[in-house]
PDB file of N, CA and C in Angstrom:
ATOM      1  N   MET A   1     -50.237  -1.727  35.537  1.00  0.00           N
ATOM      2  CA  MET A   1     -51.289  -1.860  36.494  1.00  0.00           C
ATOM      3  C   MET A   1     -50.864  -1.122  37.748  1.00  0.00           C
ATOM      4  N   THR A   2     -51.831  -0.622  38.476  1.00  0.00           N
ATOM      5  CA  THR A   2     -51.557   0.069  39.732  1.00  0.00           C
ATOM      6  C   THR A   2     -52.469  -0.498  40.812  1.00  0.00           C
ATOM      7  N   TRP A   3     -52.094  -0.268  42.066  1.00  0.00           N
ATOM      8  CA  TRP A   3     -52.910  -0.707  43.186  1.00  0.00           C
ATOM      9  C   TRP A   3     -52.739   0.275  44.329  1.00  0.00           C
ATOM     10  N   GLN A   4     -53.633   0.183  45.285  1.00  0.00           N
ATOM     11  CA  GLN A   4     -53.542   1.034  46.466  1.00  0.00           C
ATOM     12  C   GLN A   4     -52.318   0.622  47.274  1.00  0.00           C
ATOM     13  N   PRO A   5     -51.455   1.569  47.611  1.00  0.00           N
ATOM     14  CA  PRO A   5     -50.260   1.218  48.394  1.00  0.00           C
ATOM     15  C   PRO A   5     -50.630   0.666  49.763  1.00  0.00           C
ATOM     16  N   ASN A   6     -49.850  -0.281  50.222  1.00  0.00           N
ATOM     17  CA  ASN A   6     -49.995  -0.814  51.567  1.00  0.00           C
ATOM     18  C   ASN A   6     -49.495   0.249  52.544  1.00  0.00           C
ATOM     19  N   THR A   7     -50.217   0.499  53.609  1.00  0.00           N
ATOM     20  CA  THR A   7     -49.858   1.567  54.543  1.00  0.00           C
ATOM     21  C   THR A   7     -49.144   1.071  55.792  1.00  0.00           C
ATOM     22  N   GLU A   8     -48.820  -0.217  55.837  1.00  0.00           N
ATOM     23  CA  GLU A   8     -48.085  -0.748  56.990  1.00  0.00           C
ATOM     24  C   GLU A   8     -46.698  -0.101  57.057  1.00  0.00           C
ATOM     25  N   THR A   9     -46.254   0.212  58.266  1.00  0.00           N
ATOM     26  CA  THR A   9     -44.963   0.889  58.425  1.00  0.00           C
ATOM     27  C   THR A   9     -43.772  -0.024  58.137  1.00  0.00           C
ATOM     28  N   ASP A  10     -43.986  -1.341  58.172  1.00  0.00           N
ATOM     29  CA  ASP A  10     -42.880  -2.274  57.927  1.00  0.00           C
ATOM     30  C   ASP A  10     -42.926  -2.890  56.528  1.00  0.00           C
ATOM     31  N   LEU A  11     -43.586  -2.214  55.591  1.00  0.00           N
ATOM     32  CA  LEU A  11     -43.662  -2.717  54.211  1.00  0.00           C
ATOM     33  C   LEU A  11     -42.267  -2.741  53.591  1.00  0.00           C
ATOM     34  N   SER A  12     -41.906  -3.852  53.013  1.00  0.00           N
ATOM     35  CA  SER A  12     -40.634  -3.990  52.315  1.00  0.00           C
ATOM     36  C   SER A  12     -40.829  -3.834  50.807  1.00  0.00           C
ATOM     37  N   HIS A  13     -41.740  -4.650  50.239  1.00  0.00           N
ATOM     38  CA  HIS A  13     -41.959  -4.629  48.792  1.00  0.00           C
ATOM     39  C   HIS A  13     -43.235  -5.393  48.446  1.00  0.00           C
ATOM     40  N   TYR A  14     -43.528  -5.420  47.158  1.00  0.00           N
ATOM     41  CA  TYR A  14     -44.684  -6.162  46.636  1.00  0.00           C
ATOM     42  C   TYR A  14     -44.189  -7.276  45.719  1.00  0.00           C
ATOM     43  N   ILE A  15     -44.977  -8.346  45.633  1.00  0.00           N
ATOM     44  CA  ILE A  15     -44.713  -9.409  44.665  1.00  0.00           C
ATOM     45  C   ILE A  15     -45.900  -9.450  43.714  1.00  0.00           C
ATOM     46  N   ILE A  16     -45.602  -9.459  42.413  1.00  0.00           N
ATOM     47  CA  ILE A  16     -46.635  -9.524  41.382  1.00  0.00           C
ATOM     48  C   ILE A  16     -46.632 -10.931  40.812  1.00  0.00           C
ATOM     49  N   TYR A  17     -47.830 -11.523  40.740  1.00  0.00           N
ATOM     50  CA  TYR A  17     -47.996 -12.852  40.163  1.00  0.00           C
ATOM     51  C   TYR A  17     -48.828 -12.740  38.888  1.00  0.00           C
ATOM     52  N   ARG A  18     -48.430 -13.492  37.870  1.00  0.00           N
ATOM     53  CA  ARG A  18     -49.279 -13.702  36.690  1.00  0.00           C
ATOM     54  C   ARG A  18     -49.693 -15.158  36.763  1.00  0.00           C
ATOM     55  N   GLY A  19     -50.967 -15.388  37.063  1.00  0.00           N
ATOM     56  CA  GLY A  19     -51.404 -16.749  37.358  1.00  0.00           C
ATOM     57  C   GLY A  19     -50.719 -17.191  38.633  1.00  0.00           C
ATOM     58  N   ASP A  20     -50.104 -18.358  38.630  1.00  0.00           N
ATOM     59  CA  ASP A  20     -49.362 -18.845  39.795  1.00  0.00           C
ATOM     60  C   ASP A  20     -47.873 -18.539  39.707  1.00  0.00           C
ATOM     61  N   TYR A  21     -47.462 -17.879  38.627  1.00  0.00           N
ATOM     62  CA  TYR A  21     -46.045 -17.582  38.379  1.00  0.00           C
ATOM     63  C   TYR A  21     -45.640 -16.278  39.060  1.00  0.00           C
ATOM     64  N   LYS A  22     -44.579 -16.326  39.869  1.00  0.00           N
ATOM     65  CA  LYS A  22     -44.041 -15.121  40.501  1.00  0.00           C
ATOM     66  C   LYS A  22     -43.330 -14.308  39.420  1.00  0.00           C
ATOM     67  N   LEU A  23     -43.951 -13.220  39.017  1.00  0.00           N
ATOM     68  CA  LEU A  23     -43.493 -12.439  37.881  1.00  0.00           C
ATOM     69  C   LEU A  23     -42.407 -11.438  38.244  1.00  0.00           C
ATOM     70  N   ALA A  24     -42.609 -10.704  39.344  1.00  0.00           N
ATOM     71  CA  ALA A  24     -41.662  -9.641  39.680  1.00  0.00           C
ATOM     72  C   ALA A  24     -41.831  -9.212  41.129  1.00  0.00           C
ATOM     73  N   GLU A  25     -40.841  -8.461  41.608  1.00  0.00           N
ATOM     74  CA  GLU A  25     -40.910  -7.806  42.908  1.00  0.00           C
ATOM     75  C   GLU A  25     -40.625  -6.327  42.684  1.00  0.00           C
ATOM     76  N   THR A  26     -41.326  -5.469  43.418  1.00  0.00           N
ATOM     77  CA  THR A  26     -41.140  -4.032  43.259  1.00  0.00           C
ATOM     78  C   THR A  26     -41.459  -3.321  44.568  1.00  0.00           C
ATOM     79  N   THR A  27     -40.879  -2.154  44.754  1.00  0.00           N
ATOM     80  CA  THR A  27     -41.221  -1.316  45.901  1.00  0.00           C
ATOM     81  C   THR A  27     -42.276  -0.288  45.513  1.00  0.00           C
ATOM     82  N   ASN A  28     -42.623  -0.222  44.239  1.00  0.00           N
ATOM     83  CA  ASN A  28     -43.632   0.717  43.748  1.00  0.00           C
ATOM     84  C   ASN A  28     -45.020   0.092  43.803  1.00  0.00           C
ATOM     85  N   ALA A  29     -46.049   0.935  43.828  1.00  0.00           N
ATOM     86  CA  ALA A  29     -47.432   0.450  43.810  1.00  0.00           C
ATOM     87  C   ALA A  29     -47.953   0.430  42.373  1.00  0.00           C
ATOM     88  N   TYR A  30     -47.081   0.058  41.462  1.00  0.00           N
ATOM     89  CA  TYR A  30     -47.451  -0.105  40.056  1.00  0.00           C
ATOM     90  C   TYR A  30     -46.456  -1.052  39.399  1.00  0.00           C
ATOM     91  N   TYR A  31     -46.862  -1.615  38.275  1.00  0.00           N
ATOM     92  CA  TYR A  31     -45.986  -2.512  37.521  1.00  0.00           C
ATOM     93  C   TYR A  31     -46.436  -2.537  36.070  1.00  0.00           C
ATOM     94  N   VAL A  32     -45.472  -2.589  35.166  1.00  0.00           N
ATOM     95  CA  VAL A  32     -45.742  -2.710  33.731  1.00  0.00           C
ATOM     96  C   VAL A  32     -45.201  -4.051  33.273  1.00  0.00           C
ATOM     97  N   ASP A  33     -46.074  -4.884  32.740  1.00  0.00           N
ATOM     98  CA  ASP A  33     -45.688  -6.196  32.210  1.00  0.00           C
ATOM     99  C   ASP A  33     -45.543  -6.057  30.700  1.00  0.00           C
ATOM    100  N   ASN A  34     -44.318  -6.023  30.230  1.00  0.00           N
ATOM    101  CA  ASN A  34     -44.056  -5.856  28.801  1.00  0.00           C
ATOM    102  C   ASN A  34     -43.997  -7.176  28.043  1.00  0.00           C
ATOM    103  N   ASP A  35     -44.195  -8.276  28.732  1.00  0.00           N
ATOM    104  CA  ASP A  35     -44.078  -9.593  28.118  1.00  0.00           C
ATOM    105  C   ASP A  35     -45.450 -10.233  27.940  1.00  0.00           C
ATOM    106  N   VAL A  36     -46.363  -9.518  27.272  1.00  0.00           N
ATOM    107  CA  VAL A  36     -47.710 -10.016  27.026  1.00  0.00           C
ATOM    108  C   VAL A  36     -48.047  -9.859  25.549  1.00  0.00           C
ATOM    109  N   GLN A  37     -49.045 -10.586  25.110  1.00  0.00           N
ATOM    110  CA  GLN A  37     -49.474 -10.559  23.718  1.00  0.00           C
ATOM    111  C   GLN A  37     -50.927 -10.099  23.623  1.00  0.00           C
ATOM    112  N   PRO A  38     -51.231  -9.210  22.672  1.00  0.00           N
ATOM    113  CA  PRO A  38     -52.628  -8.800  22.479  1.00  0.00           C
ATOM    114  C   PRO A  38     -53.518 -10.001  22.169  1.00  0.00           C
ATOM    115  N   GLY A  39     -54.756  -9.933  22.653  1.00  0.00           N
ATOM    116  CA  GLY A  39     -55.724 -10.987  22.387  1.00  0.00           C
ATOM    117  C   GLY A  39     -55.738 -12.104  23.410  1.00  0.00           C
ATOM    118  N   TYR A  40     -54.840 -12.080  24.372  1.00  0.00           N
ATOM    119  CA  TYR A  40     -54.805 -13.095  25.431  1.00  0.00           C
ATOM    120  C   TYR A  40     -55.220 -12.463  26.753  1.00  0.00           C
ATOM    121  N   HIS A  41     -55.783 -13.262  27.634  1.00  0.00           N
ATOM    122  CA  HIS A  41     -56.163 -12.805  28.964  1.00  0.00           C
ATOM    123  C   HIS A  41     -55.083 -13.206  29.963  1.00  0.00           C
ATOM    124  N   TYR A  42     -54.713 -12.278  30.834  1.00  0.00           N
ATOM    125  CA  TYR A  42     -53.679 -12.528  31.827  1.00  0.00           C
ATOM    126  C   TYR A  42     -54.216 -12.228  33.220  1.00  0.00           C
ATOM    127  N   PRO A  43     -54.177 -13.211  34.130  1.00  0.00           N
ATOM    128  CA  PRO A  43     -54.636 -12.991  35.501  1.00  0.00           C
ATOM    129  C   PRO A  43     -53.469 -12.545  36.401  1.00  0.00           C
ATOM    130  N   TYR A  44     -53.687 -11.479  37.144  1.00  0.00           N
ATOM    131  CA  TYR A  44     -52.657 -10.946  38.041  1.00  0.00           C
ATOM    132  C   TYR A  44     -53.167 -10.869  39.466  1.00  0.00           C
ATOM    133  N   THR A  45     -52.256 -11.094  40.417  1.00  0.00           N
ATOM    134  CA  THR A  45     -52.501 -10.819  41.827  1.00  0.00           C
ATOM    135  C   THR A  45     -51.235 -10.184  42.393  1.00  0.00           C
ATOM    136  N   VAL A  46     -51.389  -9.507  43.527  1.00  0.00           N
ATOM    137  CA  VAL A  46     -50.274  -8.821  44.178  1.00  0.00           C
ATOM    138  C   VAL A  46     -50.297  -9.163  45.654  1.00  0.00           C
ATOM    139  N   THR A  47     -49.117  -9.308  46.245  1.00  0.00           N
ATOM    140  CA  THR A  47     -48.993  -9.459  47.689  1.00  0.00           C
ATOM    141  C   THR A  47     -48.031  -8.410  48.219  1.00  0.00           C
ATOM    142  N   ALA A  48     -48.189  -8.078  49.491  1.00  0.00           N
ATOM    143  CA  ALA A  48     -47.251  -7.189  50.177  1.00  0.00           C
ATOM    144  C   ALA A  48     -46.360  -8.046  51.073  1.00  0.00           C
ATOM    145  N   VAL A  49     -45.105  -7.644  51.168  1.00  0.00           N
ATOM    146  CA  VAL A  49     -44.126  -8.370  51.987  1.00  0.00           C
ATOM    147  C   VAL A  49     -43.562  -7.397  53.013  1.00  0.00           C
ATOM    148  N   ASP A  50     -43.479  -7.836  54.275  1.00  0.00           N
ATOM    149  CA  ASP A  50     -42.946  -6.951  55.310  1.00  0.00           C
ATOM    150  C   ASP A  50     -41.430  -7.102  55.440  1.00  0.00           C
ATOM    151  N   ASN A  51     -40.844  -6.315  56.308  1.00  0.00           N
ATOM    152  CA  ASN A  51     -39.380  -6.316  56.482  1.00  0.00           C
ATOM    153  C   ASN A  51     -38.827  -7.632  57.000  1.00  0.00           C
ATOM    154  N   ASN A  52     -39.679  -8.483  57.580  1.00  0.00           N
ATOM    155  CA  ASN A  52     -39.247  -9.800  58.057  1.00  0.00           C
ATOM    156  C   ASN A  52     -39.416 -10.877  56.995  1.00  0.00           C
ATOM    157  N   GLY A  53     -39.906 -10.501  55.806  1.00  0.00           N
ATOM    158  CA  GLY A  53     -40.092 -11.467  54.730  1.00  0.00           C
ATOM    159  C   GLY A  53     -41.432 -12.165  54.750  1.00  0.00           C
ATOM    160  N   ASN A  54     -42.342 -11.732  55.611  1.00  0.00           N
ATOM    161  CA  ASN A  54     -43.674 -12.332  55.665  1.00  0.00           C
ATOM    162  C   ASN A  54     -44.528 -11.797  54.526  1.00  0.00           C
ATOM    163  N   GLU A  55     -45.056 -12.707  53.726  1.00  0.00           N
ATOM    164  CA  GLU A  55     -45.874 -12.330  52.580  1.00  0.00           C
ATOM    165  C   GLU A  55     -47.348 -12.366  52.980  1.00  0.00           C
ATOM    166  N   GLY A  56     -48.061 -11.289  52.667  1.00  0.00           N
ATOM    167  CA  GLY A  56     -49.475 -11.208  52.980  1.00  0.00           C
ATOM    168  C   GLY A  56     -50.305 -12.033  52.009  1.00  0.00           C
ATOM    169  N   THR A  57     -51.610 -11.996  52.188  1.00  0.00           N
ATOM    170  CA  THR A  57     -52.510 -12.732  51.308  1.00  0.00           C
ATOM    171  C   THR A  57     -52.568 -12.059  49.942  1.00  0.00           C
ATOM    172  N   LYS A  58     -52.899 -12.854  48.934  1.00  0.00           N
ATOM    173  CA  LYS A  58     -52.975 -12.320  47.577  1.00  0.00           C
ATOM    174  C   LYS A  58     -54.186 -11.408  47.429  1.00  0.00           C
ATOM    175  N   SER A  59     -54.019 -10.408  46.594  1.00  0.00           N
ATOM    176  CA  SER A  59     -55.113  -9.505  46.276  1.00  0.00           C
ATOM    177  C   SER A  59     -56.174 -10.239  45.464  1.00  0.00           C
ATOM    178  N   ARG A  60     -57.267  -9.562  45.214  1.00  0.00           N
ATOM    179  CA  ARG A  60     -58.248 -10.103  44.274  1.00  0.00           C
ATOM    180  C   ARG A  60     -57.587 -10.223  42.917  1.00  0.00           C
ATOM    181  N   LYS A  61     -58.027 -11.206  42.150  1.00  0.00           N
ATOM    182  CA  LYS A  61     -57.461 -11.431  40.827  1.00  0.00           C
ATOM    183  C   LYS A  61     -57.946 -10.343  39.867  1.00  0.00           C
ATOM    184  N   LEU A  62     -57.023  -9.823  39.086  1.00  0.00           N
ATOM    185  CA  LEU A  62     -57.321  -8.845  38.048  1.00  0.00           C
ATOM    186  C   LEU A  62     -57.011  -9.497  36.717  1.00  0.00           C
ATOM    187  N   ILE A  63     -57.994  -9.548  35.819  1.00  0.00           N
ATOM    188  CA  ILE A  63     -57.792 -10.127  34.497  1.00  0.00           C
ATOM    189  C   ILE A  63     -57.575  -8.987  33.510  1.00  0.00           C
ATOM    190  N   MET A  64     -56.438  -9.018  32.821  1.00  0.00           N
ATOM    191  CA  MET A  64     -56.118  -7.974  31.851  1.00  0.00           C
ATOM    192  C   MET A  64     -55.994  -8.583  30.465  1.00  0.00           C
ATOM    193  N   GLU A  65     -56.425  -7.828  29.468  1.00  0.00           N
ATOM    194  CA  GLU A  65     -56.270  -8.234  28.079  1.00  0.00           C
ATOM    195  C   GLU A  65     -55.669  -7.068  27.304  1.00  0.00           C
ATOM    196  N   PRO A  66     -54.361  -7.163  26.949  1.00  0.00           N
ATOM    197  CA  PRO A  66     -53.742  -6.083  26.184  1.00  0.00           C
ATOM    198  C   PRO A  66     -54.372  -5.947  24.811  1.00  0.00           C
ATOM    199  N   SER A  67     -54.358  -4.736  24.291  1.00  0.00           N
ATOM    200  CA  SER A  67     -54.923  -4.498  22.974  1.00  0.00           C
ATOM    201  C   SER A  67     -53.813  -4.194  21.975  1.00  0.00           C
ATOM    202  N   TYR A  68     -54.143  -4.250  20.722  1.00  0.00           N
ATOM    203  CA  TYR A  68     -53.182  -3.936  19.662  1.00  0.00           C
ATOM    204  C   TYR A  68     -52.964  -2.439  19.620  1.00  0.00           C
ATOM    205  N   GLY A  69     -51.723  -2.058  19.230  1.00  0.00           N
ATOM    206  CA  GLY A  69     -51.431  -0.642  19.011  1.00  0.00           C
ATOM    207  C   GLY A  69     -50.962   0.015  20.229  1.00  0.00           C
TER     208      GLY A  69
END
């Protein structure tokens, strides 16, 4: 999944959530979740974190359903 990069000058990283579970942290404006199963729906949100550790509000929820193959 990809998202529009945060343009704040004090951006530290992003946090990716699957549902309410904190899935990963990354400095990239993309993430690949390899731990999913085809046929299931997965809700994701992303937050931006600044250099002081302040986490912004969650993005809109994105529902993904991986396919076979």
